[in-house]
Protein backbone atom coordinates (compact mmCIF):
# COMPACT_ATOMS: atom_id res chain seq x y z
CA MET A 1 7.66 -16.24 23.79
CA SER A 2 4.85 -13.97 25.28
CA LYS A 3 2.46 -15.23 28.04
CA TYR A 4 -1.16 -16.22 26.93
CA TYR A 5 -4.10 -15.39 29.20
CA GLU A 6 -5.46 -18.63 30.81
CA HIS A 7 -9.09 -19.34 29.78
CA ASP A 8 -11.52 -22.19 29.45
CA LEU A 9 -11.57 -21.51 25.26
CA TYR A 10 -11.21 -25.07 23.13
CA SER A 11 -7.92 -26.55 22.11
CA HIS A 12 -7.01 -28.90 19.79
CA PRO A 13 -3.84 -31.11 19.93
CA ALA A 14 -1.42 -29.71 17.40
CA ILE A 15 1.04 -31.57 14.94
CA LEU A 16 4.49 -30.71 13.69
CA TYR A 17 6.19 -30.30 16.85
CA ASP A 18 9.25 -31.85 18.95
CA LYS A 19 9.18 -31.94 23.00
CA SER A 20 11.97 -30.96 24.96
CA SER A 21 14.38 -33.83 25.89
CA ASN A 22 15.40 -32.39 28.89
CA GLY A 23 12.22 -32.68 31.02
CA ASN A 24 11.44 -28.65 30.97
CA LYS A 25 8.36 -29.01 29.27
CA GLU A 26 9.48 -26.70 26.39
CA THR A 27 8.17 -27.59 22.58
CA HIS A 28 9.98 -26.73 19.10
CA CYS A 29 6.96 -25.88 16.71
CA LYS A 30 7.86 -26.84 13.36
CA LEU A 31 4.94 -25.37 11.57
CA CYS A 32 6.02 -22.64 10.21
CA SER A 33 9.56 -20.89 9.27
CA HIS A 34 9.41 -18.80 12.90
CA TYR A 35 10.29 -22.32 14.48
CA CYS A 36 9.48 -21.10 17.65
CA ASP A 37 10.51 -22.77 20.91
CA ILE A 38 7.38 -22.32 23.44
CA LYS A 39 7.88 -22.69 27.00
CA GLU A 40 5.28 -24.01 29.31
CA GLY A 41 2.21 -22.20 29.29
CA ASN A 42 3.30 -19.59 26.40
CA VAL A 43 2.19 -19.34 22.96
CA GLY A 44 4.32 -19.08 19.49
CA THR A 45 4.65 -16.02 17.35
CA CYS A 46 1.14 -16.34 15.68
CA LEU A 47 -0.32 -16.49 19.47
CA LEU A 48 -1.99 -19.42 18.65
CA ARG A 49 0.14 -22.20 19.31
CA LYS A 50 -0.12 -22.97 23.16
CA ASN A 51 2.23 -25.33 25.08
CA ILE A 52 -0.08 -26.81 27.66
CA ASP A 53 2.13 -28.87 30.27
CA GLY A 54 4.63 -30.20 27.73
CA GLU A 55 1.99 -30.74 25.02
CA LEU A 56 1.45 -28.13 21.96
CA PHE A 57 -2.19 -27.12 21.22
CA THR A 58 -3.77 -25.24 18.10
CA MET A 59 -6.16 -22.59 19.66
CA SER A 60 -7.92 -21.91 16.34
CA TRP A 61 -9.11 -25.39 15.31
CA GLY A 62 -12.82 -24.79 14.33
CA ARG A 63 -12.79 -21.04 14.39
CA THR A 64 -14.34 -20.40 10.88
CA GLU A 65 -15.07 -16.81 9.67
CA GLY A 66 -15.73 -15.45 6.45
CA LEU A 67 -17.30 -18.50 5.06
CA ALA A 68 -18.39 -17.51 1.60
CA VAL A 69 -18.78 -18.75 -1.81
CA ASP A 70 -16.80 -17.31 -4.61
CA PRO A 71 -15.15 -17.85 -7.90
CA ILE A 72 -11.76 -19.51 -7.99
CA GLU A 73 -10.72 -16.19 -9.96
CA LYS A 74 -11.14 -13.84 -6.94
CA LYS A 75 -8.32 -15.94 -5.09
CA PRO A 76 -7.05 -15.06 -7.43
CA PHE A 77 -6.32 -18.27 -9.70
CA TYR A 78 -6.54 -17.73 -13.63
CA HIS A 79 -4.65 -20.85 -14.40
CA PHE A 80 -6.44 -23.16 -12.25
CA LYS A 81 -10.23 -24.68 -12.75
CA PRO A 82 -11.25 -21.43 -14.59
CA ALA A 83 -14.95 -20.39 -13.72
CA SER A 84 -15.22 -23.05 -10.66
CA LYS A 85 -16.78 -22.08 -7.62
CA VAL A 86 -14.99 -22.43 -4.30
CA LEU A 87 -16.02 -22.32 -0.55
CA SER A 88 -13.71 -19.81 0.97
CA PHE A 89 -13.00 -19.24 4.90
CA GLY A 90 -10.24 -18.77 7.28
CA THR A 91 -9.56 -18.35 10.88
CA PRO A 92 -8.47 -15.53 13.14
CA GLY A 93 -4.70 -14.65 13.53
CA CYS A 94 -1.50 -15.11 11.33
CA ASN A 95 2.21 -15.82 11.64
CA PHE A 96 2.93 -12.39 10.21
CA LYS A 97 1.74 -8.57 11.13
CA CYS A 98 1.79 -7.04 7.92
CA MET A 99 1.37 -3.29 8.30
CA ASN A 100 -0.66 -3.28 4.83
CA CYS A 101 -2.86 -6.21 5.70
CA GLN A 102 -6.39 -5.79 3.98
CA ASN A 103 -7.76 -8.96 6.44
CA TRP A 104 -6.54 -7.00 9.37
CA GLN A 105 -9.06 -7.25 11.50
CA LEU A 106 -9.16 -11.22 11.10
CA SER A 107 -5.39 -11.85 10.70
CA GLN A 108 -4.32 -9.36 13.66
CA ALA A 109 -7.56 -10.18 15.91
CA VAL A 110 -5.63 -12.22 18.56
CA LYS A 111 -3.00 -9.70 18.89
CA ASN A 112 -5.90 -6.86 18.98
CA TYR A 113 -8.49 -8.55 20.91
CA SER A 114 -6.59 -11.25 22.84
CA ASP A 115 -8.47 -14.68 23.40
CA GLU A 116 -11.89 -12.78 22.93
CA ALA A 117 -11.08 -13.27 19.28
CA LEU A 118 -11.23 -16.74 19.86
CA ARG A 119 -14.51 -16.80 21.30
CA MET A 120 -16.86 -18.51 18.80
CA ASN A 121 -18.75 -21.54 17.97
CA ILE A 122 -16.87 -24.35 16.79
CA LEU A 123 -17.56 -25.71 13.52
CA LYS A 124 -16.45 -28.87 12.31
CA PRO A 125 -14.31 -30.19 9.21
CA GLY A 126 -17.60 -32.62 8.20
CA HIS A 127 -19.93 -29.60 8.56
CA ILE A 128 -17.71 -27.84 6.01
CA ALA A 129 -17.73 -30.65 3.82
CA GLU A 130 -21.85 -30.79 4.09
CA TYR A 131 -21.65 -27.22 3.08
CA ALA A 132 -19.77 -27.53 -0.04
CA SER A 133 -21.81 -30.71 -1.02
CA LEU A 134 -25.02 -28.55 -0.22
CA TYR A 135 -24.06 -25.82 -2.73
CA ARG A 136 -22.17 -27.75 -5.16
CA LEU A 137 -19.28 -26.49 -4.97
CA ASP A 138 -16.03 -27.50 -6.99
CA GLY A 139 -13.53 -26.74 -4.35
CA ILE A 140 -12.81 -25.35 -1.01
CA ALA A 141 -9.91 -22.27 -0.74
CA TYR A 142 -8.43 -21.95 2.61
CA THR A 143 -7.77 -18.11 2.60
CA TYR A 144 -8.48 -14.57 4.33
CA SER A 145 -5.90 -14.98 7.09
CA GLU A 146 -2.90 -17.48 6.63
CA PRO A 147 -3.66 -21.34 6.13
CA THR A 148 -0.41 -22.16 7.51
CA ILE A 149 -1.71 -21.14 11.51
CA PHE A 150 -4.80 -22.99 11.47
CA PHE A 151 -3.26 -26.32 9.41
CA GLU A 152 -4.37 -29.04 11.38
CA TYR A 153 -8.22 -27.71 10.80
CA ALA A 154 -7.40 -27.31 7.22
CA ARG A 155 -6.19 -30.81 6.73
CA ASP A 156 -8.77 -32.30 9.04
CA THR A 157 -11.07 -30.60 6.63
CA ILE A 158 -9.44 -32.08 3.38
CA HIS A 159 -9.86 -35.73 4.60
CA ALA A 160 -13.39 -34.85 6.17
CA CYS A 161 -14.34 -33.98 2.58
CA ARG A 162 -12.46 -37.07 0.99
CA LYS A 163 -14.66 -39.00 3.33
CA ASN A 164 -17.99 -37.82 2.02
CA LYS A 165 -19.10 -39.50 -1.14
CA LYS A 166 -20.25 -35.86 -2.55
CA THR A 167 -17.15 -34.04 -1.68
CA GLU A 168 -14.49 -36.64 -2.31
CA ASN A 169 -13.45 -35.46 -5.40
CA ILE A 170 -13.29 -31.28 -5.07
CA PHE A 171 -10.12 -29.55 -4.80
CA HIS A 172 -8.17 -27.74 -2.27
CA VAL A 173 -6.42 -24.54 -2.29
CA PHE A 174 -4.22 -22.43 -0.07
CA VAL A 175 -3.71 -18.58 -0.53
CA SER A 176 -0.63 -18.11 1.45
CA ASN A 177 2.21 -15.93 2.31
CA GLY A 178 4.85 -18.68 1.95
CA PHE A 179 6.23 -18.66 5.21
CA PHE A 180 5.34 -22.51 5.87
CA SER A 181 7.93 -24.81 6.80
CA LYS A 182 9.76 -27.49 4.86
CA GLU A 183 7.93 -30.16 7.37
CA THR A 184 4.63 -28.84 6.65
CA PHE A 185 5.02 -29.02 2.85
CA ASP A 186 6.35 -32.46 3.26
CA LEU A 187 3.25 -33.43 4.93
CA ILE A 188 1.22 -31.46 2.27
CA ASP A 189 3.03 -33.54 -0.54
CA LYS A 190 2.94 -36.86 1.45
CA GLU A 191 -0.92 -36.64 2.04
CA ASN A 192 -1.39 -34.76 -1.24
CA LEU A 193 -3.79 -32.28 0.47
CA LEU A 194 -3.41 -29.36 -2.04
CA GLN A 195 -4.06 -29.41 -5.77
CA ALA A 196 -3.07 -25.50 -5.91
CA ILE A 197 -1.42 -22.55 -4.08
CA ASN A 198 -1.18 -19.04 -4.67
CA ILE A 199 1.89 -17.41 -2.46
CA ASP A 200 1.85 -13.92 -1.75
CA LEU A 201 5.81 -12.90 -2.67
CA LYS A 202 5.72 -9.67 -1.10
CA PHE A 203 9.07 -7.93 -1.33
CA MET A 204 12.58 -9.08 -2.69
CA ASP A 205 14.19 -7.15 0.14
CA ASP A 206 14.80 -8.97 3.76
CA LYS A 207 14.86 -6.15 5.56
CA LYS A 208 11.48 -4.94 4.32
CA TYR A 209 9.94 -8.22 4.85
CA ARG A 210 11.18 -8.13 8.59
CA LYS A 211 10.24 -4.45 9.11
CA ILE A 212 6.91 -4.63 7.57
CA SER A 213 5.72 -8.44 7.54
CA GLY A 214 7.43 -9.35 10.53
CA GLY A 215 8.86 -12.58 8.63
CA GLU A 216 11.99 -13.34 6.44
CA LEU A 217 12.19 -13.39 2.77
CA GLN A 218 14.62 -16.51 2.06
CA PRO A 219 11.88 -19.01 3.85
CA VAL A 220 9.55 -17.48 1.18
CA LEU A 221 11.52 -18.02 -1.68
CA ASP A 222 12.31 -21.83 -0.16
CA SER A 223 8.94 -22.34 -0.28
CA ILE A 224 8.02 -21.14 -3.79
CA LYS A 225 11.05 -23.43 -5.19
CA ARG A 226 9.63 -26.19 -3.69
CA VAL A 227 6.25 -25.89 -5.08
CA ALA A 228 7.68 -25.26 -8.41
CA ASP A 229 9.69 -28.69 -8.23
CA MET A 230 6.29 -30.02 -7.66
CA LYS A 231 4.64 -28.46 -10.58
CA GLU A 232 3.09 -31.90 -11.53
CA LYS A 233 1.33 -32.28 -8.36
CA ILE A 234 0.45 -28.63 -7.24
CA HIS A 235 -0.47 -25.82 -9.52
CA MET A 236 1.17 -22.41 -8.50
CA GLU A 237 0.38 -18.88 -9.09
CA ILE A 238 2.10 -15.71 -7.66
CA ILE A 239 0.82 -12.37 -6.56
CA ASN A 240 2.67 -9.47 -5.72
CA LEU A 241 1.06 -6.20 -4.12
CA ILE A 242 2.63 -3.62 -5.25
CA ILE A 243 2.87 -0.56 -2.79
CA PRO A 244 4.12 2.96 -3.14
CA GLY A 245 7.25 3.83 -1.75
CA GLU A 246 8.04 0.36 -0.64
CA ASN A 247 8.53 -2.22 -3.50
CA ASP A 248 7.48 -0.21 -6.64
CA SER A 249 11.01 0.51 -8.06
CA ASP A 250 12.10 -1.01 -11.46
CA ASP A 251 14.86 -2.48 -9.52
CA ASP A 252 12.10 -4.34 -7.23
CA ILE A 253 9.85 -5.68 -10.14
CA GLU A 254 12.86 -6.76 -12.05
CA LYS A 255 14.45 -8.77 -9.15
CA LEU A 256 11.04 -10.52 -8.55
CA CYS A 257 10.46 -11.47 -12.12
CA ASP A 258 13.89 -12.64 -12.44
CA PHE A 259 13.64 -15.20 -9.36
CA ILE A 260 10.02 -16.19 -11.22
CA TYR A 261 11.64 -16.72 -14.42
CA SER A 262 14.54 -18.68 -13.19
CA LEU A 263 11.62 -21.38 -11.97
CA SER A 264 9.25 -21.17 -15.01
CA PRO A 265 8.29 -18.25 -17.45
CA ASP A 266 5.06 -19.85 -17.22
CA ILE A 267 4.02 -19.20 -13.45
CA PRO A 268 1.40 -16.83 -13.51
CA LEU A 269 2.12 -13.75 -11.66
CA HIS A 270 -0.58 -11.20 -10.43
CA PHE A 271 0.52 -7.48 -9.77
CA SER A 272 -2.35 -5.98 -7.31
CA ARG A 273 -3.22 -2.69 -6.60
CA PHE A 274 -2.49 -1.42 -3.20
CA TYR A 275 -5.17 0.90 -1.21
CA PRO A 276 -4.53 2.38 2.11
CA HIS A 277 -5.18 0.02 4.93
CA TYR A 278 -4.81 -0.85 8.40
CA LYS A 279 -1.01 0.71 9.55
CA PHE A 280 -0.30 1.83 5.56
CA SER A 281 -3.68 3.93 5.86
CA GLY A 282 -1.67 6.97 4.93
CA LYS A 283 -0.32 5.91 1.56
CA PRO A 284 -1.66 6.63 -1.61
CA ALA A 285 -2.86 3.94 -4.11
CA THR A 286 -0.51 2.69 -6.31
CA SER A 287 -0.76 4.50 -9.65
CA LEU A 288 -2.09 2.89 -12.57
CA VAL A 289 0.97 3.95 -14.57
CA THR A 290 3.14 1.77 -11.83
CA LEU A 291 1.06 -0.96 -12.34
CA LYS A 292 1.38 -0.77 -16.33
CA ARG A 293 4.83 -0.23 -16.10
CA ALA A 294 5.51 -3.36 -13.81
CA ARG A 295 3.79 -5.58 -16.49
CA GLU A 296 5.84 -4.45 -19.12
CA ILE A 297 9.06 -5.09 -17.13
CA ALA A 298 7.74 -8.70 -16.41
CA ILE A 299 7.02 -9.08 -20.42
CA LYS A 300 10.45 -7.64 -20.78
CA GLN A 301 11.94 -10.09 -18.17
CA GLY A 302 10.44 -12.88 -20.51
CA LEU A 303 7.42 -14.05 -18.20
CA HIS A 304 4.51 -15.12 -20.25
CA TYR A 305 1.33 -14.74 -17.83
CA ILE A 306 1.01 -11.35 -15.99
CA TYR A 307 -1.86 -9.90 -14.54
CA ILE A 308 -3.41 -6.72 -13.06
CA GLY A 309 -5.70 -6.87 -10.29
CA ASN A 310 -7.81 -4.74 -8.44
CA THR A 311 -8.19 -2.12 -10.94
CA ASN A 312 -10.89 -1.37 -14.16
CA ILE A 313 -7.79 -1.57 -16.41
CA PRO A 314 -9.44 -3.11 -19.96
CA GLY A 315 -7.59 -6.10 -20.80
CA ALA A 316 -5.81 -6.42 -17.55
CA GLU A 317 -6.87 -9.79 -16.35
CA ASP A 318 -6.81 -11.38 -19.85
CA THR A 319 -4.96 -14.52 -20.51
CA HIS A 320 -3.20 -14.29 -24.28
CA CYS A 321 -1.13 -16.89 -26.08
CA PRO A 322 2.75 -16.48 -25.50
CA LYS A 323 3.58 -17.07 -28.90
CA CYS A 324 0.76 -15.71 -31.17
CA ASN A 325 -0.92 -13.34 -28.63
CA GLN A 326 -4.20 -14.66 -29.38
CA LEU A 327 -6.61 -13.96 -26.61
CA LEU A 328 -7.62 -16.84 -24.89
CA ILE A 329 -9.69 -16.18 -21.77
CA SER A 330 -11.48 -12.58 -21.01
CA ARG A 331 -11.93 -11.73 -17.26
CA THR A 332 -13.80 -8.90 -16.06
CA ILE A 333 -13.28 -8.38 -12.00
CA TYR A 334 -13.67 -11.99 -10.75
CA GLY A 335 -15.18 -13.42 -13.50
CA ILE A 336 -14.76 -15.14 -16.94
CA THR A 337 -16.59 -13.74 -20.07
CA LYS A 338 -15.17 -15.59 -22.49
CA ASN A 339 -12.70 -18.87 -23.06
CA ASN A 340 -11.18 -19.97 -26.50
CA ILE A 341 -8.89 -22.46 -24.98
CA ILE A 342 -9.41 -25.72 -26.86
CA GLN A 343 -8.41 -29.43 -25.65
CA ASP A 344 -6.43 -31.54 -27.93
CA GLN A 345 -8.47 -34.81 -28.96
CA LYS A 346 -5.93 -37.00 -28.04
CA SER A 347 -4.38 -35.65 -24.84
CA GLY A 348 -6.64 -33.47 -23.30
CA LYS A 349 -3.97 -30.74 -22.98
CA PRO A 350 -5.04 -27.43 -23.61
CA LEU A 351 -3.98 -25.43 -26.51
CA CYS A 352 -4.40 -22.09 -28.38
CA PRO A 353 -6.87 -22.43 -30.96
CA ASP A 354 -4.76 -20.49 -33.57
CA CYS A 355 -1.09 -22.03 -33.08
CA LYS A 356 -1.77 -25.06 -31.00
CA THR A 357 0.61 -23.64 -28.48
CA GLU A 358 -0.26 -25.96 -25.24
CA ILE A 359 -1.40 -23.69 -22.52
CA PRO A 360 -0.53 -23.92 -18.53
CA VAL A 361 -3.96 -24.06 -17.71
CA ILE A 362 -5.65 -26.82 -15.58
CA MET A 363 -9.47 -27.01 -17.04
């Protein structure tokens, strides 16, 4: 791992790592699936976890960026707490290096601007809880950059909210690349940290993952499987950014849909339109024809809830009953115009108003 610049920036003790047993002060990070071995004075692949004298520290703790109030649909979550409001934020840095990143100024800040990207005031978790209370928000979304690389900060924020009487019952969601480790997910499960997660399944090709994102496919698939197995505790939705010439073939889309179907046809899938960004600024935007074809393939493959984002295609973000096709939720960009779902008087389960099919939406 590369040598990090010496500086006086605030560092916070990291979790989920092992110390070397041979006395060489090396640490083994277990936060994400890179599983970095970090020598004394160096940092991991994310450039944010530093070995200081044989102890591992996180450099992103408290460095809040992009603090904003958003509708939950913007994340996007379409089957979790419709029309709720969340406090969104991230921190500089990422464990990926996506060439198409839409938030590259934040996610790649440390790589591009060194430690200068981390020279900002610290916002403590308790202050975030107070902010959520002040604006009477329903939840907090850890987003914009990868939540895994500021996991300690996110975890501390969740616990701070639970200690505050005004925010103890708000929900917490991750918008993630899915490259978190099994150890991280086990801690999320053990402490019941999250109520929902949206995972970006970028490609069904490991070579593309390595070349374009600097990650690997299998750990992301493993993460999705783990969350799917915990569906009673953690709601999950999947997003796939369709990039022209990279993952827009029928075969690409069929493989992705087959994988999701193997877990559950009820997992919401969001196809998102690519616009030129960062190192892919020379590529064209995804055609609407391609996006509509992707949705048709997903329907043919048996998925029940497919959405198209970042477009103005009429009805592309609406929810329909998979049995009778009744319109259940009508959406505009980042908003709901109509919610026709009813709830069973005894069980409280969400139902289609016409055929009474149970709809997997957490109200």
